[in-house]
Amino acid sequence: MKNDFCEALKANDRKRLQEIADSVLGSLDIKANQQMNFEKIETWISSNNCVASVFSSPYLLDTDPPVKEFILNLKDGSVRIIGLKLSPSRWEIIIK
């Protein structure tokens, strides 16, 4: 599964990334402490073998719904940004 994330990220396969993320996001209680959920997501992202480091933005983007951004420094030297759209009923991954 960790390799799937890296392959989907490299291929910019948004559908597959959402499927992979759903398995993690579905295990979170979106009504619980947001910061704790963000930390769990950051830990999950950093556990993937293609990720050198991950940084979560300290603030939510002021959009409707709000978006939390995670900046991924990949081991190949590239940088990717993944947004997490925080809809009340479902959290969704956005690749930038």
N, C-alpha and C. Protein backbone atom coordinates (compact mmCIF):
# COMPACT_ATOMS: atom_id res chain seq x y z
N MET A 1 0.82 -1.20 0.00
CA MET A 1 0.00 0.00 0.00
C MET A 1 0.87 1.26 0.00
N LYS A 2 1.98 1.25 0.75
CA LYS A 2 2.86 2.42 0.78
C LYS A 2 3.44 2.69 -0.60
N ASN A 3 3.78 1.65 -1.30
CA ASN A 3 4.30 1.80 -2.66
C ASN A 3 3.22 2.33 -3.59
N ASP A 4 1.96 1.93 -3.36
CA ASP A 4 0.84 2.43 -4.16
C ASP A 4 0.73 3.95 -4.07
N PHE A 5 0.89 4.49 -2.86
CA PHE A 5 0.82 5.93 -2.67
C PHE A 5 1.88 6.63 -3.51
N CYS A 6 3.10 6.12 -3.44
CA CYS A 6 4.22 6.72 -4.18
C CYS A 6 4.01 6.64 -5.68
N GLU A 7 3.53 5.50 -6.15
CA GLU A 7 3.28 5.34 -7.59
C GLU A 7 2.17 6.26 -8.05
N ALA A 8 1.10 6.36 -7.27
CA ALA A 8 -0.01 7.25 -7.63
C ALA A 8 0.43 8.71 -7.60
N LEU A 9 1.24 9.07 -6.63
CA LEU A 9 1.75 10.44 -6.53
C LEU A 9 2.63 10.77 -7.73
N LYS A 10 3.52 9.85 -8.07
CA LYS A 10 4.43 10.06 -9.20
C LYS A 10 3.66 10.19 -10.51
N ALA A 11 2.60 9.38 -10.67
CA ALA A 11 1.79 9.40 -11.89
C ALA A 11 0.73 10.50 -11.88
N ASN A 12 0.65 11.24 -10.76
CA ASN A 12 -0.38 12.26 -10.60
C ASN A 12 -1.78 11.67 -10.80
N ASP A 13 -1.96 10.44 -10.31
CA ASP A 13 -3.23 9.72 -10.42
C ASP A 13 -4.13 10.11 -9.25
N ARG A 14 -4.90 11.15 -9.45
CA ARG A 14 -5.73 11.71 -8.38
C ARG A 14 -6.78 10.74 -7.88
N LYS A 15 -7.36 9.99 -8.80
CA LYS A 15 -8.39 9.02 -8.40
C LYS A 15 -7.80 7.96 -7.48
N ARG A 16 -6.65 7.41 -7.86
CA ARG A 16 -6.00 6.37 -7.04
C ARG A 16 -5.53 6.94 -5.71
N LEU A 17 -5.00 8.16 -5.71
CA LEU A 17 -4.58 8.78 -4.45
C LEU A 17 -5.76 8.96 -3.51
N GLN A 18 -6.91 9.35 -4.07
CA GLN A 18 -8.09 9.51 -3.22
C GLN A 18 -8.52 8.17 -2.64
N GLU A 19 -8.48 7.11 -3.46
CA GLU A 19 -8.83 5.78 -2.96
C GLU A 19 -7.90 5.36 -1.82
N ILE A 20 -6.62 5.60 -2.00
CA ILE A 20 -5.64 5.24 -0.97
C ILE A 20 -5.87 6.09 0.28
N ALA A 21 -6.06 7.38 0.09
CA ALA A 21 -6.28 8.28 1.22
C ALA A 21 -7.57 7.96 1.95
N ASP A 22 -8.59 7.54 1.22
CA ASP A 22 -9.87 7.21 1.85
C ASP A 22 -9.72 6.13 2.92
N SER A 23 -8.80 5.20 2.69
CA SER A 23 -8.60 4.14 3.68
C SER A 23 -8.06 4.72 4.99
N VAL A 24 -7.28 5.78 4.90
CA VAL A 24 -6.76 6.44 6.09
C VAL A 24 -7.77 7.43 6.64
N LEU A 25 -8.31 8.26 5.77
CA LEU A 25 -9.26 9.28 6.21
C LEU A 25 -10.51 8.65 6.82
N GLY A 26 -10.91 7.50 6.30
CA GLY A 26 -12.09 6.81 6.82
C GLY A 26 -11.92 6.32 8.24
N SER A 27 -10.68 6.17 8.68
CA SER A 27 -10.43 5.70 10.04
C SER A 27 -10.40 6.85 11.05
N LEU A 28 -10.48 8.09 10.57
CA LEU A 28 -10.45 9.25 11.45
C LEU A 28 -11.85 9.67 11.84
N ASP A 29 -11.97 10.23 13.02
CA ASP A 29 -13.24 10.82 13.46
C ASP A 29 -13.17 12.30 13.11
N ILE A 30 -13.83 12.69 12.01
CA ILE A 30 -13.69 14.08 11.54
C ILE A 30 -14.34 15.09 12.48
N LYS A 31 -15.12 14.62 13.43
CA LYS A 31 -15.71 15.52 14.41
C LYS A 31 -14.82 15.64 15.65
N ALA A 32 -13.76 14.85 15.71
CA ALA A 32 -12.84 14.87 16.85
C ALA A 32 -11.84 16.01 16.69
N ASN A 33 -10.84 16.02 17.52
CA ASN A 33 -9.80 17.04 17.52
C ASN A 33 -9.10 17.09 16.16
N GLN A 34 -9.24 18.20 15.45
CA GLN A 34 -8.66 18.32 14.11
C GLN A 34 -7.14 18.20 14.13
N GLN A 35 -6.50 18.82 15.11
CA GLN A 35 -5.04 18.80 15.14
C GLN A 35 -4.52 17.37 15.28
N MET A 36 -5.18 16.57 16.10
CA MET A 36 -4.77 15.18 16.26
C MET A 36 -4.94 14.42 14.94
N ASN A 37 -6.03 14.68 14.24
CA ASN A 37 -6.25 14.06 12.93
C ASN A 37 -5.18 14.50 11.93
N PHE A 38 -4.83 15.78 11.94
CA PHE A 38 -3.79 16.28 11.03
C PHE A 38 -2.45 15.59 11.31
N GLU A 39 -2.15 15.38 12.59
CA GLU A 39 -0.91 14.70 12.96
C GLU A 39 -0.91 13.26 12.47
N LYS A 40 -2.05 12.60 12.55
CA LYS A 40 -2.15 11.21 12.06
C LYS A 40 -1.95 11.17 10.55
N ILE A 41 -2.51 12.13 9.84
CA ILE A 41 -2.35 12.19 8.39
C ILE A 41 -0.88 12.47 8.04
N GLU A 42 -0.27 13.40 8.75
CA GLU A 42 1.14 13.71 8.51
C GLU A 42 2.02 12.49 8.76
N THR A 43 1.73 11.74 9.81
CA THR A 43 2.48 10.51 10.11
C THR A 43 2.30 9.49 9.00
N TRP A 44 1.07 9.34 8.52
CA TRP A 44 0.80 8.40 7.44
C TRP A 44 1.56 8.80 6.17
N ILE A 45 1.51 10.08 5.82
CA ILE A 45 2.21 10.54 4.61
C ILE A 45 3.71 10.27 4.74
N SER A 46 4.28 10.61 5.89
CA SER A 46 5.73 10.46 6.06
C SER A 46 6.16 8.99 6.13
N SER A 47 5.23 8.08 6.37
CA SER A 47 5.58 6.65 6.43
C SER A 47 5.79 6.04 5.04
N ASN A 48 5.43 6.76 4.01
CA ASN A 48 5.60 6.26 2.65
C ASN A 48 7.06 6.38 2.22
N ASN A 49 7.56 5.34 1.54
CA ASN A 49 9.00 5.25 1.25
C ASN A 49 9.53 6.30 0.28
N CYS A 50 8.68 7.01 -0.42
CA CYS A 50 9.14 8.04 -1.35
C CYS A 50 9.22 9.42 -0.70
N VAL A 51 8.75 9.54 0.54
CA VAL A 51 8.67 10.83 1.22
C VAL A 51 9.87 11.02 2.14
N ALA A 52 10.64 12.08 1.89
CA ALA A 52 11.79 12.40 2.74
C ALA A 52 11.32 13.14 3.99
N SER A 53 10.39 14.08 3.81
CA SER A 53 9.83 14.83 4.94
C SER A 53 8.49 15.43 4.53
N VAL A 54 7.70 15.75 5.53
CA VAL A 54 6.40 16.38 5.28
C VAL A 54 6.20 17.50 6.29
N PHE A 55 5.64 18.59 5.82
CA PHE A 55 5.37 19.75 6.66
C PHE A 55 3.91 20.12 6.45
N SER A 56 3.18 20.28 7.54
CA SER A 56 1.79 20.72 7.39
C SER A 56 1.72 22.22 7.66
N SER A 57 0.97 22.90 6.84
CA SER A 57 0.84 24.35 7.02
C SER A 57 0.18 24.61 8.38
N PRO A 58 0.59 25.67 9.05
CA PRO A 58 0.05 25.92 10.39
C PRO A 58 -1.40 26.41 10.38
N TYR A 59 -1.87 26.84 9.23
CA TYR A 59 -3.22 27.40 9.15
C TYR A 59 -4.03 26.70 8.08
N LEU A 60 -5.34 26.86 8.17
CA LEU A 60 -6.24 26.38 7.13
C LEU A 60 -6.38 27.49 6.09
N LEU A 61 -6.45 27.11 4.82
CA LEU A 61 -6.73 28.09 3.77
C LEU A 61 -8.17 28.55 3.93
N ASP A 62 -8.39 29.83 3.80
CA ASP A 62 -9.71 30.42 4.00
C ASP A 62 -10.55 30.24 2.74
N THR A 63 -11.03 29.02 2.55
CA THR A 63 -11.87 28.68 1.42
C THR A 63 -13.13 28.02 1.96
N ASP A 64 -14.05 27.73 1.10
CA ASP A 64 -15.27 27.04 1.52
C ASP A 64 -15.42 25.75 0.73
N PRO A 65 -15.19 24.61 1.31
CA PRO A 65 -14.74 24.37 2.69
C PRO A 65 -13.26 24.67 2.86
N PRO A 66 -12.82 24.82 4.11
CA PRO A 66 -11.40 25.11 4.35
C PRO A 66 -10.50 23.97 3.87
N VAL A 67 -9.24 24.31 3.60
CA VAL A 67 -8.27 23.33 3.11
C VAL A 67 -7.02 23.39 3.99
N LYS A 68 -6.54 22.22 4.37
CA LYS A 68 -5.27 22.08 5.09
C LYS A 68 -4.24 21.58 4.09
N GLU A 69 -3.07 22.22 4.02
CA GLU A 69 -2.05 21.81 3.05
C GLU A 69 -0.91 21.07 3.73
N PHE A 70 -0.44 20.04 3.03
CA PHE A 70 0.72 19.26 3.45
C PHE A 70 1.76 19.37 2.34
N ILE A 71 2.96 19.81 2.68
CA ILE A 71 4.04 19.97 1.71
C ILE A 71 4.96 18.77 1.86
N LEU A 72 5.10 18.01 0.77
CA LEU A 72 5.89 16.79 0.78
C LEU A 72 7.21 17.03 0.06
N ASN A 73 8.30 16.79 0.74
CA ASN A 73 9.62 16.76 0.12
C ASN A 73 9.91 15.31 -0.19
N LEU A 74 9.98 14.99 -1.47
CA LEU A 74 10.17 13.60 -1.87
C LEU A 74 11.65 13.27 -1.97
N LYS A 75 11.94 11.99 -1.86
CA LYS A 75 13.34 11.54 -1.87
C LYS A 75 14.02 11.78 -3.21
N ASP A 76 13.24 11.96 -4.28
CA ASP A 76 13.85 12.24 -5.59
C ASP A 76 14.18 13.73 -5.76
N GLY A 77 13.94 14.52 -4.70
CA GLY A 77 14.25 15.94 -4.73
C GLY A 77 13.09 16.83 -5.11
N SER A 78 11.99 16.26 -5.54
CA SER A 78 10.83 17.07 -5.93
C SER A 78 9.97 17.40 -4.71
N VAL A 79 9.10 18.36 -4.90
CA VAL A 79 8.19 18.81 -3.85
C VAL A 79 6.78 18.70 -4.38
N ARG A 80 5.89 18.16 -3.59
CA ARG A 80 4.47 18.06 -3.96
C ARG A 80 3.65 18.66 -2.83
N ILE A 81 2.53 19.24 -3.18
CA ILE A 81 1.61 19.78 -2.19
C ILE A 81 0.30 19.02 -2.29
N ILE A 82 -0.14 18.53 -1.16
CA ILE A 82 -1.42 17.85 -1.09
C ILE A 82 -2.32 18.67 -0.17
N GLY A 83 -3.49 18.98 -0.66
CA GLY A 83 -4.47 19.69 0.14
C GLY A 83 -5.50 18.70 0.68
N LEU A 84 -6.05 19.03 1.82
CA LEU A 84 -7.10 18.22 2.42
C LEU A 84 -8.32 19.10 2.57
N LYS A 85 -9.32 18.86 1.72
CA LYS A 85 -10.55 19.65 1.74
C LYS A 85 -11.41 19.15 2.90
N LEU A 86 -11.73 20.05 3.83
CA LEU A 86 -12.41 19.66 5.06
C LEU A 86 -13.91 19.90 4.98
N SER A 87 -14.59 19.14 4.14
CA SER A 87 -16.04 19.22 4.07
C SER A 87 -16.61 18.64 5.36
N PRO A 88 -17.76 19.13 5.80
CA PRO A 88 -18.32 18.62 7.06
C PRO A 88 -18.59 17.11 7.06
N SER A 89 -18.95 16.56 5.92
CA SER A 89 -19.31 15.14 5.89
C SER A 89 -18.18 14.23 5.41
N ARG A 90 -17.18 14.81 4.71
CA ARG A 90 -16.13 13.97 4.13
C ARG A 90 -14.89 14.81 3.88
N TRP A 91 -13.73 14.27 4.22
CA TRP A 91 -12.47 14.92 3.90
C TRP A 91 -11.96 14.36 2.59
N GLU A 92 -11.43 15.23 1.76
CA GLU A 92 -11.03 14.83 0.41
C GLU A 92 -9.64 15.37 0.08
N ILE A 93 -8.84 14.56 -0.59
CA ILE A 93 -7.48 14.93 -0.99
C ILE A 93 -7.52 15.76 -2.27
N ILE A 94 -6.70 16.82 -2.31
CA ILE A 94 -6.52 17.65 -3.50
C ILE A 94 -5.03 17.67 -3.81
N ILE A 95 -4.64 17.28 -5.01
CA ILE A 95 -3.23 17.33 -5.40
C ILE A 95 -3.00 18.63 -6.15
N LYS A 96 -1.96 19.35 -5.76
CA LYS A 96 -1.66 20.62 -6.42
C LYS A 96 -0.42 20.50 -7.24
